[in-house]
C-alpha atoms as a PDB file:
ATOM      1  CA  MET A   1      -3.583 -33.398 -20.221  1.00  0.00           C
ATOM      2  CA  LYS A   2      -0.306 -34.538 -19.459  1.00  0.00           C
ATOM      3  CA  LEU A   3       2.029 -32.164 -17.371  1.00  0.00           C
ATOM      4  CA  HIS A   4       4.564 -31.868 -20.302  1.00  0.00           C
ATOM      5  CA  ASP A   5       1.572 -30.598 -22.409  1.00  0.00           C
ATOM      6  CA  ARG A   6       1.204 -27.584 -20.157  1.00  0.00           C
ATOM      7  CA  GLN A   7       3.032 -24.410 -20.250  1.00  0.00           C
ATOM      8  CA  LEU A   8       5.266 -23.739 -17.219  1.00  0.00           C
ATOM      9  CA  ARG A   9       3.416 -20.499 -16.610  1.00  0.00           C
ATOM     10  CA  ASP A  10       0.038 -22.311 -16.027  1.00  0.00           C
ATOM     11  CA  ILE A  11       1.737 -24.723 -13.732  1.00  0.00           C
ATOM     12  CA  TYR A  12       3.293 -21.865 -11.803  1.00  0.00           C
ATOM     13  CA  VAL A  13       0.029 -20.082 -11.380  1.00  0.00           C
ATOM     14  CA  ASP A  14      -1.675 -23.262 -10.245  1.00  0.00           C
ATOM     15  CA  LEU A  15       0.959 -24.146  -7.966  1.00  0.00           C
ATOM     16  CA  LEU A  16       0.744 -20.520  -6.515  1.00  0.00           C
ATOM     17  CA  ILE A  17      -2.974 -20.878  -6.002  1.00  0.00           C
ATOM     18  CA  GLU A  18      -2.632 -24.041  -4.176  1.00  0.00           C
ATOM     19  CA  ALA A  19      -0.011 -22.684  -1.882  1.00  0.00           C
ATOM     20  CA  ALA A  20      -1.986 -19.624  -1.125  1.00  0.00           C
ATOM     21  CA  LYS A  21      -4.978 -21.804  -0.118  1.00  0.00           C
ATOM     22  CA  LYS A  22      -2.700 -23.357   2.539  1.00  0.00           C
ATOM     23  CA  HIS A  23      -0.833 -20.358   3.593  1.00  0.00           C
ATOM     24  CA  PRO A  24      -3.126 -17.247   4.212  1.00  0.00           C
ATOM     25  CA  ASN A  25      -0.120 -14.974   4.415  1.00  0.00           C
ATOM     26  CA  LEU A  26       1.173 -15.603   0.940  1.00  0.00           C
ATOM     27  CA  VAL A  27       0.847 -12.674  -1.365  1.00  0.00           C
ATOM     28  CA  ILE A  28       2.365 -11.976  -4.900  1.00  0.00           C
ATOM     29  CA  VAL A  29       4.024  -8.730  -5.820  1.00  0.00           C
ATOM     30  CA  GLU A  30       4.085  -8.109  -9.530  1.00  0.00           C
ATOM     31  CA  ALA A  31       5.801  -5.379 -11.741  1.00  0.00           C
ATOM     32  CA  ASP A  32       3.162  -4.965 -14.347  1.00  0.00           C
ATOM     33  CA  LEU A  33       3.830  -8.532 -15.858  1.00  0.00           C
ATOM     34  CA  MET A  34       0.599 -10.357 -14.753  1.00  0.00           C
ATOM     35  CA  LYS A  35      -0.337 -11.001 -18.341  1.00  0.00           C
ATOM     36  CA  ALA A  36       3.012 -12.329 -19.495  1.00  0.00           C
ATOM     37  CA  ALA A  37       3.490 -14.333 -16.232  1.00  0.00           C
ATOM     38  CA  LYS A  38      -0.161 -15.774 -16.386  1.00  0.00           C
ATOM     39  CA  THR A  39      -0.692 -14.576 -12.626  1.00  0.00           C
ATOM     40  CA  THR A  40      -4.062 -13.081 -13.588  1.00  0.00           C
ATOM     41  CA  GLY A  41      -5.501 -16.346 -12.535  1.00  0.00           C
ATOM     42  CA  PHE A  42      -4.072 -15.948  -8.977  1.00  0.00           C
ATOM     43  CA  ALA A  43      -5.380 -12.395  -8.969  1.00  0.00           C
ATOM     44  CA  GLU A  44      -8.947 -13.511  -9.793  1.00  0.00           C
ATOM     45  CA  VAL A  45      -8.964 -15.946  -6.842  1.00  0.00           C
ATOM     46  CA  PHE A  46      -7.101 -13.962  -4.518  1.00  0.00           C
ATOM     47  CA  PRO A  47      -7.452 -10.050  -5.422  1.00  0.00           C
ATOM     48  CA  GLU A  48      -6.597  -8.815  -1.999  1.00  0.00           C
ATOM     49  CA  ARG A  49      -3.369 -10.885  -2.165  1.00  0.00           C
ATOM     50  CA  THR A  50      -2.257  -9.453  -5.362  1.00  0.00           C
ATOM     51  CA  ILE A  51       0.165  -6.229  -5.326  1.00  0.00           C
ATOM     52  CA  ASN A  52       0.761  -4.798  -8.830  1.00  0.00           C
ATOM     53  CA  VAL A  53       3.468  -1.967  -8.191  1.00  0.00           C
ATOM     54  CA  GLY A  54       3.631  -1.088 -11.878  1.00  0.00           C
ATOM     55  CA  VAL A  55       6.796  -0.757 -13.869  1.00  0.00           C
ATOM     56  CA  ALA A  56       8.786  -0.137 -10.636  1.00  0.00           C
ATOM     57  CA  GLU A  57      11.008  -3.305 -10.011  1.00  0.00           C
ATOM     58  CA  ALA A  58      13.161  -1.428  -7.430  1.00  0.00           C
ATOM     59  CA  ASN A  59      10.067  -0.262  -5.615  1.00  0.00           C
ATOM     60  CA  MET A  60       8.870  -3.890  -5.655  1.00  0.00           C
ATOM     61  CA  ILE A  61      11.832  -5.154  -3.634  1.00  0.00           C
ATOM     62  CA  GLY A  62      11.113  -2.760  -1.007  1.00  0.00           C
ATOM     63  CA  VAL A  63       7.407  -3.654  -0.882  1.00  0.00           C
ATOM     64  CA  ALA A  64       8.519  -7.362  -0.707  1.00  0.00           C
ATOM     65  CA  ALA A  65      11.128  -6.647   1.964  1.00  0.00           C
ATOM     66  CA  GLY A  66       8.323  -4.665   4.120  1.00  0.00           C
ATOM     67  CA  LEU A  67       5.695  -7.452   3.601  1.00  0.00           C
ATOM     68  CA  SER A  68       8.359 -10.104   4.697  1.00  0.00           C
ATOM     69  CA  ASN A  69       9.265  -8.010   7.778  1.00  0.00           C
ATOM     70  CA  MET A  70       5.676  -7.756   8.969  1.00  0.00           C
ATOM     71  CA  GLY A  71       5.286 -11.698   8.238  1.00  0.00           C
END
């Protein structure tokens, strides 16, 4: 399959998984859009590194800031 035959969301999640294998501190923070963004694939491989805050985008920013602060 050629790269241009794939959806950008599929490429995005594949690259996230690849990056997470190299960087153990990488996590994703979602706002209830896993199906739309197709990041369910990441959650299947790294369930402990997937945080879904629900429909709470403002809260998601705080969670991401806290995670970043902790390294």
